[in-house]
Amino acid sequence: MNRFVVFAIGFVVTILILKCRWKIKEFTGEIAFAEAYLGVGGTNRFIILMAFLVFVGSLMYALGTIQGILKGTVGRFFGV
């Protein structure tokens, strides 16, 4: 049940980020590295990318993928 709650919160946060991205851009201003590497409108693209990463991260946690990746990579260092 805990994983479903994390996914639901991640989904809601993603929708809020996408709906309010113009207000987020007004609050943060132009993000210099995003404008340099992502081109004109890079700040908006960066905000959309962050929303996508929040969604994918919460989905991976809900499905147990992140736990498997961490167990396979750094788990041997922590005895998991």
Protein backbone atom coordinates (compact mmCIF):
# COMPACT_ATOMS: atom_id res chain seq x y z
CA MET A 1 0.00 0.00 0.00
CA ASN A 2 2.89 2.34 0.78
CA ARG A 3 4.24 2.09 -2.77
CA PHE A 4 0.87 2.96 -4.26
CA VAL A 5 0.72 6.11 -2.12
CA VAL A 6 4.17 7.17 -3.34
CA PHE A 7 3.08 6.63 -6.94
CA ALA A 8 -0.14 8.59 -6.41
CA ILE A 9 1.77 11.49 -4.85
CA GLY A 10 4.34 11.40 -7.66
CA PHE A 11 1.57 11.44 -10.26
CA VAL A 12 -0.14 14.43 -8.63
CA VAL A 13 3.17 16.31 -8.32
CA THR A 14 3.89 15.63 -11.99
CA ILE A 15 0.52 17.01 -13.06
CA LEU A 16 1.00 20.09 -10.87
CA ILE A 17 4.46 20.74 -12.30
CA LEU A 18 3.15 20.48 -15.85
CA LYS A 19 0.13 22.70 -15.18
CA CYS A 20 2.15 25.36 -13.32
CA ARG A 21 5.35 25.33 -15.34
CA TRP A 22 4.91 28.94 -16.47
CA LYS A 23 4.57 30.08 -12.86
CA ILE A 24 7.58 27.97 -11.92
CA LYS A 25 9.54 29.65 -14.71
CA GLU A 26 8.47 33.09 -13.51
CA PHE A 27 9.55 32.16 -9.97
CA THR A 28 12.93 30.68 -10.91
CA GLY A 29 13.69 32.86 -13.91
CA GLU A 30 15.71 31.63 -16.86
CA ILE A 31 17.93 28.68 -15.98
CA ALA A 32 21.23 29.45 -17.69
CA PHE A 33 22.52 25.92 -18.31
CA ALA A 34 19.12 24.78 -19.59
CA GLU A 35 18.99 27.66 -22.05
CA ALA A 36 22.56 26.93 -23.15
CA TYR A 37 22.24 23.17 -23.62
CA LEU A 38 18.55 22.77 -24.50
CA GLY A 39 18.29 25.80 -26.78
CA VAL A 40 15.65 28.51 -26.85
CA GLY A 41 12.93 27.67 -24.34
CA GLY A 42 15.31 25.38 -22.51
CA THR A 43 13.94 26.35 -19.11
CA ASN A 44 10.49 25.09 -20.07
CA ARG A 45 11.98 21.89 -21.46
CA PHE A 46 13.99 21.43 -18.26
CA ILE A 47 10.87 21.80 -16.11
CA ILE A 48 9.04 19.25 -18.29
CA LEU A 49 12.04 16.92 -18.01
CA MET A 50 11.98 17.23 -14.21
CA ALA A 51 8.25 16.39 -14.19
CA PHE A 52 8.95 13.33 -16.34
CA LEU A 53 11.72 12.22 -13.98
CA VAL A 54 9.43 12.59 -10.96
CA PHE A 55 6.80 10.45 -12.69
CA VAL A 56 9.25 7.77 -13.81
CA GLY A 57 10.96 7.72 -10.41
CA SER A 58 7.69 7.26 -8.53
CA LEU A 59 6.57 4.58 -10.99
CA MET A 60 9.88 2.73 -10.62
CA TYR A 61 9.59 2.88 -6.84
CA ALA A 62 6.00 1.61 -6.95
CA LEU A 63 6.99 -1.35 -9.13
CA GLY A 64 10.10 -2.16 -7.06
CA THR A 65 12.55 -1.43 -9.86
CA ILE A 66 14.60 1.10 -7.91
CA GLN A 67 14.98 -1.32 -5.02
CA GLY A 68 16.25 -4.00 -7.41
CA ILE A 69 18.72 -1.65 -9.05
CA LEU A 70 20.06 -0.42 -5.72
CA LYS A 71 20.32 -3.95 -4.36
CA GLY A 72 22.25 -5.08 -7.44
CA THR A 73 24.64 -2.12 -7.55
CA VAL A 74 25.33 -0.71 -4.10
CA GLY A 75 23.73 -3.45 -2.01
CA ARG A 76 26.96 -5.42 -1.76
CA PHE A 77 28.64 -2.44 -0.11
CA PHE A 78 25.98 -2.17 2.60
CA GLY A 79 25.28 -5.88 3.09
CA VAL A 80 21.71 -5.73 1.79
